[in-house]
Amino acid sequence: MKEMKLFLGPQHPGMHGNASVHMFVDGDIIKRSYLLPGMLYRGFEKQMERKLWVNNIALIPRVCVPEPDINEMAFASGAEKLLKLEIPERAHWIRMII
């Protein structure tokens, strides 16, 4: 079978800079792969270590520019569980819509 190159990462050509993986496959066997970390990694984790959780909310959308909503949801629900906070019913319904 002929070797084929698969590209896993942002699919829009304007989304360069994000992490991606280039895989070379022969049928269902991966022959080799290369991780391209991209140029958008700016050490958010290290920046967030030194701040209060409430101050990190503004950084969360910048972690992954193409899909910020899911990161905000994960951070907010994680903080709520750690702090044992209950969200209002309206917030629950808004999250279901998003």
PDB file of N, CA and C in Angstrom:
ATOM      1  N   MET A   1       0.843  -1.185   0.000  1.00  0.00           N
ATOM      2  CA  MET A   1       0.000   0.000   0.000  1.00  0.00           C
ATOM      3  C   MET A   1       0.890   1.251   0.000  1.00  0.00           C
ATOM      4  N   LYS A   2       0.384   2.309  -0.516  1.00  0.00           N
ATOM      5  CA  LYS A   2       1.137   3.554  -0.616  1.00  0.00           C
ATOM      6  C   LYS A   2       1.077   4.329   0.700  1.00  0.00           C
ATOM      7  N   GLU A   3       2.219   4.904   1.091  1.00  0.00           N
ATOM      8  CA  GLU A   3       2.266   5.705   2.318  1.00  0.00           C
ATOM      9  C   GLU A   3       1.493   7.006   2.111  1.00  0.00           C
ATOM     10  N   MET A   4       0.745   7.406   3.141  1.00  0.00           N
ATOM     11  CA  MET A   4      -0.083   8.605   3.057  1.00  0.00           C
ATOM     12  C   MET A   4       0.238   9.514   4.245  1.00  0.00           C
ATOM     13  N   LYS A   5       0.196  10.811   4.021  1.00  0.00           N
ATOM     14  CA  LYS A   5       0.434  11.781   5.088  1.00  0.00           C
ATOM     15  C   LYS A   5      -0.910  12.292   5.598  1.00  0.00           C
ATOM     16  N   LEU A   6      -1.118  12.187   6.919  1.00  0.00           N
ATOM     17  CA  LEU A   6      -2.320  12.713   7.556  1.00  0.00           C
ATOM     18  C   LEU A   6      -1.942  13.906   8.416  1.00  0.00           C
ATOM     19  N   PHE A   7      -2.758  14.912   8.382  1.00  0.00           N
ATOM     20  CA  PHE A   7      -2.531  16.123   9.168  1.00  0.00           C
ATOM     21  C   PHE A   7      -3.620  16.225  10.224  1.00  0.00           C
ATOM     22  N   LEU A   8      -3.241  16.198  11.497  1.00  0.00           N
ATOM     23  CA  LEU A   8      -4.184  16.341  12.600  1.00  0.00           C
ATOM     24  C   LEU A   8      -3.915  17.667  13.290  1.00  0.00           C
ATOM     25  N   GLY A   9      -4.864  18.535  13.263  1.00  0.00           N
ATOM     26  CA  GLY A   9      -4.688  19.842  13.880  1.00  0.00           C
ATOM     27  C   GLY A   9      -5.760  20.782  13.376  1.00  0.00           C
ATOM     28  N   PRO A  10      -5.560  22.074  13.551  1.00  0.00           N
ATOM     29  CA  PRO A  10      -6.555  23.023  13.045  1.00  0.00           C
ATOM     30  C   PRO A  10      -6.700  22.858  11.533  1.00  0.00           C
ATOM     31  N   GLN A  11      -7.930  22.755  11.066  1.00  0.00           N
ATOM     32  CA  GLN A  11      -8.165  22.468   9.656  1.00  0.00           C
ATOM     33  C   GLN A  11      -8.282  23.715   8.786  1.00  0.00           C
ATOM     34  N   HIS A  12      -8.455  24.867   9.387  1.00  0.00           N
ATOM     35  CA  HIS A  12      -8.576  26.101   8.615  1.00  0.00           C
ATOM     36  C   HIS A  12      -7.185  26.650   8.328  1.00  0.00           C
ATOM     37  N   PRO A  13      -6.887  27.047   7.092  1.00  0.00           N
ATOM     38  CA  PRO A  13      -5.546  27.541   6.776  1.00  0.00           C
ATOM     39  C   PRO A  13      -5.160  28.801   7.542  1.00  0.00           C
ATOM     40  N   GLY A  14      -6.133  29.557   8.037  1.00  0.00           N
ATOM     41  CA  GLY A  14      -5.823  30.755   8.811  1.00  0.00           C
ATOM     42  C   GLY A  14      -5.498  30.470  10.261  1.00  0.00           C
ATOM     43  N   MET A  15      -5.569  29.217  10.673  1.00  0.00           N
ATOM     44  CA  MET A  15      -5.329  28.847  12.067  1.00  0.00           C
ATOM     45  C   MET A  15      -3.911  28.347  12.295  1.00  0.00           C
ATOM     46  N   HIS A  16      -2.956  28.863  11.598  1.00  0.00           N
ATOM     47  CA  HIS A  16      -1.584  28.409  11.801  1.00  0.00           C
ATOM     48  C   HIS A  16      -1.090  28.858  13.171  1.00  0.00           C
ATOM     49  N   GLY A  17      -0.135  28.136  13.696  1.00  0.00           N
ATOM     50  CA  GLY A  17       0.430  28.477  14.994  1.00  0.00           C
ATOM     51  C   GLY A  17      -0.027  27.573  16.112  1.00  0.00           C
ATOM     52  N   ASN A  18      -1.147  26.864  15.939  1.00  0.00           N
ATOM     53  CA  ASN A  18      -1.598  25.924  16.956  1.00  0.00           C
ATOM     54  C   ASN A  18      -0.855  24.603  16.801  1.00  0.00           C
ATOM     55  N   ALA A  19      -0.881  23.792  17.843  1.00  0.00           N
ATOM     56  CA  ALA A  19      -0.224  22.492  17.796  1.00  0.00           C
ATOM     57  C   ALA A  19      -0.887  21.598  16.754  1.00  0.00           C
ATOM     58  N   SER A  20      -0.078  20.810  16.082  1.00  0.00           N
ATOM     59  CA  SER A  20      -0.607  19.877  15.089  1.00  0.00           C
ATOM     60  C   SER A  20       0.310  18.656  15.023  1.00  0.00           C
ATOM     61  N   VAL A  21      -0.200  17.591  14.445  1.00  0.00           N
ATOM     62  CA  VAL A  21       0.554  16.348  14.295  1.00  0.00           C
ATOM     63  C   VAL A  21       0.531  15.950  12.823  1.00  0.00           C
ATOM     64  N   HIS A  22       1.700  15.629  12.290  1.00  0.00           N
ATOM     65  CA  HIS A  22       1.817  15.110  10.931  1.00  0.00           C
ATOM     66  C   HIS A  22       2.140  13.626  11.061  1.00  0.00           C
ATOM     67  N   MET A  23       1.262  12.779  10.534  1.00  0.00           N
ATOM     68  CA  MET A  23       1.459  11.330  10.621  1.00  0.00           C
ATOM     69  C   MET A  23       1.587  10.743   9.227  1.00  0.00           C
ATOM     70  N   PHE A  24       2.507   9.822   9.095  1.00  0.00           N
ATOM     71  CA  PHE A  24       2.677   9.088   7.853  1.00  0.00           C
ATOM     72  C   PHE A  24       2.211   7.664   8.109  1.00  0.00           C
ATOM     73  N   VAL A  25       1.190   7.243   7.375  1.00  0.00           N
ATOM     74  CA  VAL A  25       0.589   5.937   7.609  1.00  0.00           C
ATOM     75  C   VAL A  25       0.680   5.079   6.351  1.00  0.00           C
ATOM     76  N   ASP A  26       0.763   3.795   6.586  1.00  0.00           N
ATOM     77  CA  ASP A  26       0.717   2.805   5.515  1.00  0.00           C
ATOM     78  C   ASP A  26      -0.412   1.852   5.869  1.00  0.00           C
ATOM     79  N   GLY A  27      -1.581   2.070   5.272  1.00  0.00           N
ATOM     80  CA  GLY A  27      -2.764   1.314   5.667  1.00  0.00           C
ATOM     81  C   GLY A  27      -3.223   1.770   7.045  1.00  0.00           C
ATOM     82  N   ASP A  28      -3.236   0.845   8.006  1.00  0.00           N
ATOM     83  CA  ASP A  28      -3.613   1.223   9.372  1.00  0.00           C
ATOM     84  C   ASP A  28      -2.413   1.230  10.310  1.00  0.00           C
ATOM     85  N   ILE A  29      -1.205   1.259   9.755  1.00  0.00           N
ATOM     86  CA  ILE A  29       0.019   1.287  10.560  1.00  0.00           C
ATOM     87  C   ILE A  29       0.648   2.663  10.450  1.00  0.00           C
ATOM     88  N   ILE A  30       0.923   3.273  11.607  1.00  0.00           N
ATOM     89  CA  ILE A  30       1.599   4.573  11.637  1.00  0.00           C
ATOM     90  C   ILE A  30       3.094   4.329  11.488  1.00  0.00           C
ATOM     91  N   LYS A  31       3.676   4.824  10.422  1.00  0.00           N
ATOM     92  CA  LYS A  31       5.107   4.648  10.165  1.00  0.00           C
ATOM     93  C   LYS A  31       5.947   5.647  10.959  1.00  0.00           C
ATOM     94  N   ARG A  32       5.536   6.901  10.935  1.00  0.00           N
ATOM     95  CA  ARG A  32       6.232   7.938  11.712  1.00  0.00           C
ATOM     96  C   ARG A  32       5.285   9.106  11.909  1.00  0.00           C
ATOM     97  N   SER A  33       5.567   9.903  12.923  1.00  0.00           N
ATOM     98  CA  SER A  33       4.734  11.081  13.187  1.00  0.00           C
ATOM     99  C   SER A  33       5.604  12.186  13.761  1.00  0.00           C
ATOM    100  N   TYR A  34       5.177  13.397  13.522  1.00  0.00           N
ATOM    101  CA  TYR A  34       5.897  14.575  14.001  1.00  0.00           C
ATOM    102  C   TYR A  34       4.916  15.503  14.698  1.00  0.00           C
ATOM    103  N   LEU A  35       5.269  15.915  15.897  1.00  0.00           N
ATOM    104  CA  LEU A  35       4.464  16.889  16.630  1.00  0.00           C
ATOM    105  C   LEU A  35       5.039  18.270  16.365  1.00  0.00           C
ATOM    106  N   LEU A  36       4.190  19.164  15.901  1.00  0.00           N
ATOM    107  CA  LEU A  36       4.587  20.554  15.701  1.00  0.00           C
ATOM    108  C   LEU A  36       3.888  21.377  16.781  1.00  0.00           C
ATOM    109  N   PRO A  37       4.624  21.815  17.808  1.00  0.00           N
ATOM    110  CA  PRO A  37       3.966  22.497  18.928  1.00  0.00           C
ATOM    111  C   PRO A  37       3.353  23.832  18.564  1.00  0.00           C
ATOM    112  N   GLY A  38       3.759  24.429  17.474  1.00  0.00           N
ATOM    113  CA  GLY A  38       3.176  25.708  17.076  1.00  0.00           C
ATOM    114  C   GLY A  38       3.835  26.869  17.800  1.00  0.00           C
ATOM    115  N   MET A  39       3.479  28.057  17.373  1.00  0.00           N
ATOM    116  CA  MET A  39       4.092  29.263  17.933  1.00  0.00           C
ATOM    117  C   MET A  39       3.180  29.967  18.924  1.00  0.00           C
ATOM    118  N   LEU A  40       1.987  29.424  19.167  1.00  0.00           N
ATOM    119  CA  LEU A  40       1.053  30.093  20.069  1.00  0.00           C
ATOM    120  C   LEU A  40       1.216  29.687  21.519  1.00  0.00           C
ATOM    121  N   TYR A  41       2.079  28.712  21.802  1.00  0.00           N
ATOM    122  CA  TYR A  41       2.264  28.320  23.196  1.00  0.00           C
ATOM    123  C   TYR A  41       3.009  29.438  23.917  1.00  0.00           C
ATOM    124  N   ARG A  42       2.370  29.976  24.956  1.00  0.00           N
ATOM    125  CA  ARG A  42       2.961  31.113  25.662  1.00  0.00           C
ATOM    126  C   ARG A  42       3.078  30.875  27.158  1.00  0.00           C
ATOM    127  N   GLY A  43       2.996  29.637  27.592  1.00  0.00           N
ATOM    128  CA  GLY A  43       3.188  29.319  29.001  1.00  0.00           C
ATOM    129  C   GLY A  43       2.034  29.746  29.889  1.00  0.00           C
ATOM    130  N   PHE A  44       0.805  29.538  29.437  1.00  0.00           N
ATOM    131  CA  PHE A  44      -0.357  29.944  30.234  1.00  0.00           C
ATOM    132  C   PHE A  44      -0.394  29.246  31.585  1.00  0.00           C
ATOM    133  N   GLU A  45       0.002  27.968  31.597  1.00  0.00           N
ATOM    134  CA  GLU A  45      -0.059  27.222  32.846  1.00  0.00           C
ATOM    135  C   GLU A  45       0.816  27.876  33.912  1.00  0.00           C
ATOM    136  N   LYS A  46       1.992  28.301  33.517  1.00  0.00           N
ATOM    137  CA  LYS A  46       2.908  28.936  34.466  1.00  0.00           C
ATOM    138  C   LYS A  46       2.369  30.292  34.916  1.00  0.00           C
ATOM    139  N   GLN A  47       1.770  31.047  34.004  1.00  0.00           N
ATOM    140  CA  GLN A  47       1.182  32.334  34.375  1.00  0.00           C
ATOM    141  C   GLN A  47       0.031  32.146  35.350  1.00  0.00           C
ATOM    142  N   MET A  48      -0.740  31.092  35.150  1.00  0.00           N
ATOM    143  CA  MET A  48      -1.920  30.869  35.979  1.00  0.00           C
ATOM    144  C   MET A  48      -1.569  30.363  37.374  1.00  0.00           C
ATOM    145  N   GLU A  49      -0.410  29.757  37.538  1.00  0.00           N
ATOM    146  CA  GLU A  49      -0.012  29.240  38.850  1.00  0.00           C
ATOM    147  C   GLU A  49       0.097  30.347  39.891  1.00  0.00           C
ATOM    148  N   ARG A  50       0.465  31.521  39.472  1.00  0.00           N
ATOM    149  CA  ARG A  50       0.763  32.605  40.412  1.00  0.00           C
ATOM    150  C   ARG A  50      -0.406  33.552  40.652  1.00  0.00           C
ATOM    151  N   LYS A  51      -1.569  33.242  40.086  1.00  0.00           N
ATOM    152  CA  LYS A  51      -2.721  34.135  40.225  1.00  0.00           C
ATOM    153  C   LYS A  51      -3.853  33.433  40.954  1.00  0.00           C
ATOM    154  N   LEU A  52      -4.767  34.209  41.479  1.00  0.00           N
ATOM    155  CA  LEU A  52      -5.985  33.644  42.048  1.00  0.00           C
ATOM    156  C   LEU A  52      -6.846  33.089  40.919  1.00  0.00           C
ATOM    157  N   TRP A  53      -7.689  32.117  41.237  1.00  0.00           N
ATOM    158  CA  TRP A  53      -8.511  31.479  40.204  1.00  0.00           C
ATOM    159  C   TRP A  53      -9.402  32.484  39.491  1.00  0.00           C
ATOM    160  N   VAL A  54      -9.900  33.478  40.215  1.00  0.00           N
ATOM    161  CA  VAL A  54     -10.809  34.454  39.604  1.00  0.00           C
ATOM    162  C   VAL A  54     -10.070  35.348  38.596  1.00  0.00           C
ATOM    163  N   ASN A  55      -8.786  35.556  38.797  1.00  0.00           N
ATOM    164  CA  ASN A  55      -8.003  36.371  37.863  1.00  0.00           C
ATOM    165  C   ASN A  55      -7.616  35.600  36.602  1.00  0.00           C
ATOM    166  N   ASN A  56      -7.709  34.275  36.658  1.00  0.00           N
ATOM    167  CA  ASN A  56      -7.345  33.457  35.494  1.00  0.00           C
ATOM    168  C   ASN A  56      -8.454  33.350  34.462  1.00  0.00           C
ATOM    169  N   ILE A  57      -9.648  33.772  34.810  1.00  0.00           N
ATOM    170  CA  ILE A  57     -10.772  33.636  33.880  1.00  0.00           C
ATOM    171  C   ILE A  57     -10.506  34.395  32.578  1.00  0.00           C
ATOM    172  N   ALA A  58      -9.819  35.518  32.654  1.00  0.00           N
ATOM    173  CA  ALA A  58      -9.522  36.290  31.439  1.00  0.00           C
ATOM    174  C   ALA A  58      -8.483  35.597  30.556  1.00  0.00           C
ATOM    175  N   LEU A  59      -7.641  34.734  31.130  1.00  0.00           N
ATOM    176  CA  LEU A  59      -6.626  34.037  30.338  1.00  0.00           C
ATOM    177  C   LEU A  59      -7.170  32.808  29.611  1.00  0.00           C
ATOM    178  N   ILE A  60      -8.231  32.234  30.119  1.00  0.00           N
ATOM    179  CA  ILE A  60      -8.726  30.965  29.593  1.00  0.00           C
ATOM    180  C   ILE A  60      -9.063  31.025  28.097  1.00  0.00           C
ATOM    181  N   PRO A  61      -9.760  32.044  27.583  1.00  0.00           N
ATOM    182  CA  PRO A  61     -10.057  32.043  26.134  1.00  0.00           C
ATOM    183  C   PRO A  61      -8.813  32.125  25.261  1.00  0.00           C
ATOM    184  N   ARG A  62      -7.714  32.585  25.787  1.00  0.00           N
ATOM    185  CA  ARG A  62      -6.492  32.726  24.993  1.00  0.00           C
ATOM    186  C   ARG A  62      -5.701  31.426  24.890  1.00  0.00           C
ATOM    187  N   VAL A  63      -6.059  30.432  25.696  1.00  0.00           N
ATOM    188  CA  VAL A  63      -5.350  29.155  25.638  1.00  0.00           C
ATOM    189  C   VAL A  63      -5.570  28.489  24.285  1.00  0.00           C
ATOM    190  N   CYS A  64      -6.802  28.474  23.820  1.00  0.00           N
ATOM    191  CA  CYS A  64      -7.130  27.891  22.512  1.00  0.00           C
ATOM    192  C   CYS A  64      -8.056  28.868  21.796  1.00  0.00           C
ATOM    193  N   VAL A  65      -7.500  29.638  20.907  1.00  0.00           N
ATOM    194  CA  VAL A  65      -8.250  30.704  20.247  1.00  0.00           C
ATOM    195  C   VAL A  65      -9.421  30.180  19.412  1.00  0.00           C
ATOM    196  N   PRO A  66      -9.272  29.091  18.642  1.00  0.00           N
ATOM    197  CA  PRO A  66     -10.411  28.656  17.818  1.00  0.00           C
ATOM    198  C   PRO A  66     -11.608  28.140  18.617  1.00  0.00           C
ATOM    199  N   GLU A  67     -11.387  27.534  19.790  1.00  0.00           N
ATOM    200  CA  GLU A  67     -12.478  26.955  20.582  1.00  0.00           C
ATOM    201  C   GLU A  67     -12.377  27.397  22.041  1.00  0.00           C
ATOM    202  N   PRO A  68     -12.689  28.646  22.366  1.00  0.00           N
ATOM    203  CA  PRO A  68     -12.521  29.095  23.755  1.00  0.00           C
ATOM    204  C   PRO A  68     -13.629  28.643  24.696  1.00  0.00           C
ATOM    205  N   ASP A  69     -14.831  28.371  24.178  1.00  0.00           N
ATOM    206  CA  ASP A  69     -15.978  28.101  25.050  1.00  0.00           C
ATOM    207  C   ASP A  69     -15.791  26.874  25.921  1.00  0.00           C
ATOM    208  N   ILE A  70     -15.304  25.784  25.351  1.00  0.00           N
ATOM    209  CA  ILE A  70     -15.173  24.551  26.121  1.00  0.00           C
ATOM    210  C   ILE A  70     -14.118  24.698  27.212  1.00  0.00           C
ATOM    211  N   ASN A  71     -13.075  25.480  26.954  1.00  0.00           N
ATOM    212  CA  ASN A  71     -12.053  25.697  27.979  1.00  0.00           C
ATOM    213  C   ASN A  71     -12.611  26.513  29.139  1.00  0.00           C
ATOM    214  N   GLU A  72     -13.418  27.522  28.827  1.00  0.00           N
ATOM    215  CA  GLU A  72     -14.038  28.317  29.890  1.00  0.00           C
ATOM    216  C   GLU A  72     -14.982  27.469  30.727  1.00  0.00           C
ATOM    217  N   MET A  73     -15.753  26.599  30.068  1.00  0.00           N
ATOM    218  CA  MET A  73     -16.681  25.718  30.790  1.00  0.00           C
ATOM    219  C   MET A  73     -15.923  24.766  31.710  1.00  0.00           C
ATOM    220  N   ALA A  74     -14.848  24.176  31.210  1.00  0.00           N
ATOM    221  CA  ALA A  74     -14.075  23.232  32.016  1.00  0.00           C
ATOM    222  C   ALA A  74     -13.441  23.931  33.211  1.00  0.00           C
ATOM    223  N   PHE A  75     -12.884  25.115  33.002  1.00  0.00           N
ATOM    224  CA  PHE A  75     -12.262  25.849  34.104  1.00  0.00           C
ATOM    225  C   PHE A  75     -13.298  26.250  35.142  1.00  0.00           C
ATOM    226  N   ALA A  76     -14.431  26.780  34.684  1.00  0.00           N
ATOM    227  CA  ALA A  76     -15.471  27.223  35.616  1.00  0.00           C
ATOM    228  C   ALA A  76     -16.048  26.058  36.409  1.00  0.00           C
ATOM    229  N   SER A  77     -16.341  24.945  35.743  1.00  0.00           N
ATOM    230  CA  SER A  77     -16.914  23.811  36.479  1.00  0.00           C
ATOM    231  C   SER A  77     -15.900  23.198  37.427  1.00  0.00           C
ATOM    232  N   GLY A  78     -14.626  23.182  37.048  1.00  0.00           N
ATOM    233  CA  GLY A  78     -13.588  22.695  37.959  1.00  0.00           C
ATOM    234  C   GLY A  78     -13.441  23.574  39.186  1.00  0.00           C
ATOM    235  N   ALA A  79     -13.449  24.893  38.983  1.00  0.00           N
ATOM    236  CA  ALA A  79     -13.352  25.818  40.120  1.00  0.00           C
ATOM    237  C   ALA A  79     -14.576  25.699  41.021  1.00  0.00           C
ATOM    238  N   GLU A  80     -15.747  25.539  40.433  1.00  0.00           N
ATOM    239  CA  GLU A  80     -16.971  25.401  41.237  1.00  0.00           C
ATOM    240  C   GLU A  80     -16.949  24.133  42.080  1.00  0.00           C
ATOM    241  N   LYS A  81     -16.467  23.051  41.514  1.00  0.00           N
ATOM    242  CA  LYS A  81     -16.406  21.799  42.276  1.00  0.00           C
ATOM    243  C   LYS A  81     -15.370  21.875  43.390  1.00  0.00           C
ATOM    244  N   LEU A  82     -14.219  22.475  43.104  1.00  0.00           N
ATOM    245  CA  LEU A  82     -13.189  22.600  44.140  1.00  0.00           C
ATOM    246  C   LEU A  82     -13.631  23.507  45.279  1.00  0.00           C
ATOM    247  N   LEU A  83     -14.337  24.583  44.947  1.00  0.00           N
ATOM    248  CA  LEU A  83     -14.785  25.544  45.957  1.00  0.00           C
ATOM    249  C   LEU A  83     -16.158  25.202  46.527  1.00  0.00           C
ATOM    250  N   LYS A  84     -16.762  24.117  46.009  1.00  0.00           N
ATOM    251  CA  LYS A  84     -18.096  23.680  46.450  1.00  0.00           C
ATOM    252  C   LYS A  84     -19.135  24.793  46.294  1.00  0.00           C
ATOM    253  N   LEU A  85     -19.123  25.416  45.119  1.00  0.00           N
ATOM    254  CA  LEU A  85     -20.077  26.479  44.810  1.00  0.00           C
ATOM    255  C   LEU A  85     -21.258  25.907  44.034  1.00  0.00           C
ATOM    256  N   GLU A  86     -22.428  26.473  44.242  1.00  0.00           N
ATOM    257  CA  GLU A  86     -23.595  26.105  43.452  1.00  0.00           C
ATOM    258  C   GLU A  86     -23.926  27.259  42.514  1.00  0.00           C
ATOM    259  N   ILE A  87     -24.151  26.929  41.252  1.00  0.00           N
ATOM    260  CA  ILE A  87     -24.456  27.978  40.283  1.00  0.00           C
ATOM    261  C   ILE A  87     -25.958  28.231  40.269  1.00  0.00           C
ATOM    262  N   PRO A  88     -26.371  29.447  39.909  1.00  0.00           N
ATOM    263  CA  PRO A  88     -27.805  29.732  39.792  1.00  0.00           C
ATOM    264  C   PRO A  88     -28.431  28.924  38.650  1.00  0.00           C
ATOM    265  N   GLU A  89     -29.727  28.730  38.717  1.00  0.00           N
ATOM    266  CA  GLU A  89     -30.426  27.951  37.694  1.00  0.00           C
ATOM    267  C   GLU A  89     -30.295  28.602  36.320  1.00  0.00           C
ATOM    268  N   ARG A  90     -30.309  29.927  36.281  1.00  0.00           N
ATOM    269  CA  ARG A  90     -30.174  30.639  35.001  1.00  0.00           C
ATOM    270  C   ARG A  90     -28.823  30.327  34.345  1.00  0.00           C
ATOM    271  N   ALA A  91     -27.756  30.294  35.144  1.00  0.00           N
ATOM    272  CA  ALA A  91     -26.433  29.964  34.609  1.00  0.00           C
ATOM    273  C   ALA A  91     -26.401  28.538  34.068  1.00  0.00           C
ATOM    274  N   HIS A  92     -27.091  27.644  34.744  1.00  0.00           N
ATOM    275  CA  HIS A  92     -27.162  26.254  34.279  1.00  0.00           C
ATOM    276  C   HIS A  92     -27.794  26.183  32.885  1.00  0.00           C
ATOM    277  N   TRP A  93     -28.883  26.907  32.675  1.00  0.00           N
ATOM    278  CA  TRP A  93     -29.559  26.883  31.374  1.00  0.00           C
ATOM    279  C   TRP A  93     -28.733  27.576  30.292  1.00  0.00           C
ATOM    280  N   ILE A  94     -28.047  28.639  30.646  1.00  0.00           N
ATOM    281  CA  ILE A  94     -27.183  29.317  29.668  1.00  0.00           C
ATOM    282  C   ILE A  94     -26.067  28.384  29.217  1.00  0.00           C
ATOM    283  N   ARG A  95     -25.491  27.632  30.152  1.00  0.00           N
ATOM    284  CA  ARG A  95     -24.433  26.686  29.792  1.00  0.00           C
ATOM    285  C   ARG A  95     -24.948  25.579  28.885  1.00  0.00           C
ATOM    286  N   MET A  96     -26.176  25.182  29.071  1.00  0.00           N
ATOM    287  CA  MET A  96     -26.735  24.146  28.197  1.00  0.00           C
ATOM    288  C   MET A  96     -26.889  24.656  26.769  1.00  0.00           C
ATOM    289  N   ILE A  97     -27.190  25.943  26.617  1.00  0.00           N
ATOM    290  CA  ILE A  97     -27.337  26.525  25.283  1.00  0.00           C
ATOM    291  C   ILE A  97     -25.986  26.628  24.590  1.00  0.00           C
ATOM    292  N   ILE A  98     -24.979  27.032  25.345  1.00  0.00           N
ATOM    293  CA  ILE A  98     -23.637  27.186  24.779  1.00  0.00           C
ATOM    294  C   ILE A  98     -23.099  25.829  24.400  1.00  0.00           C
TER     295      ILE A  98
END
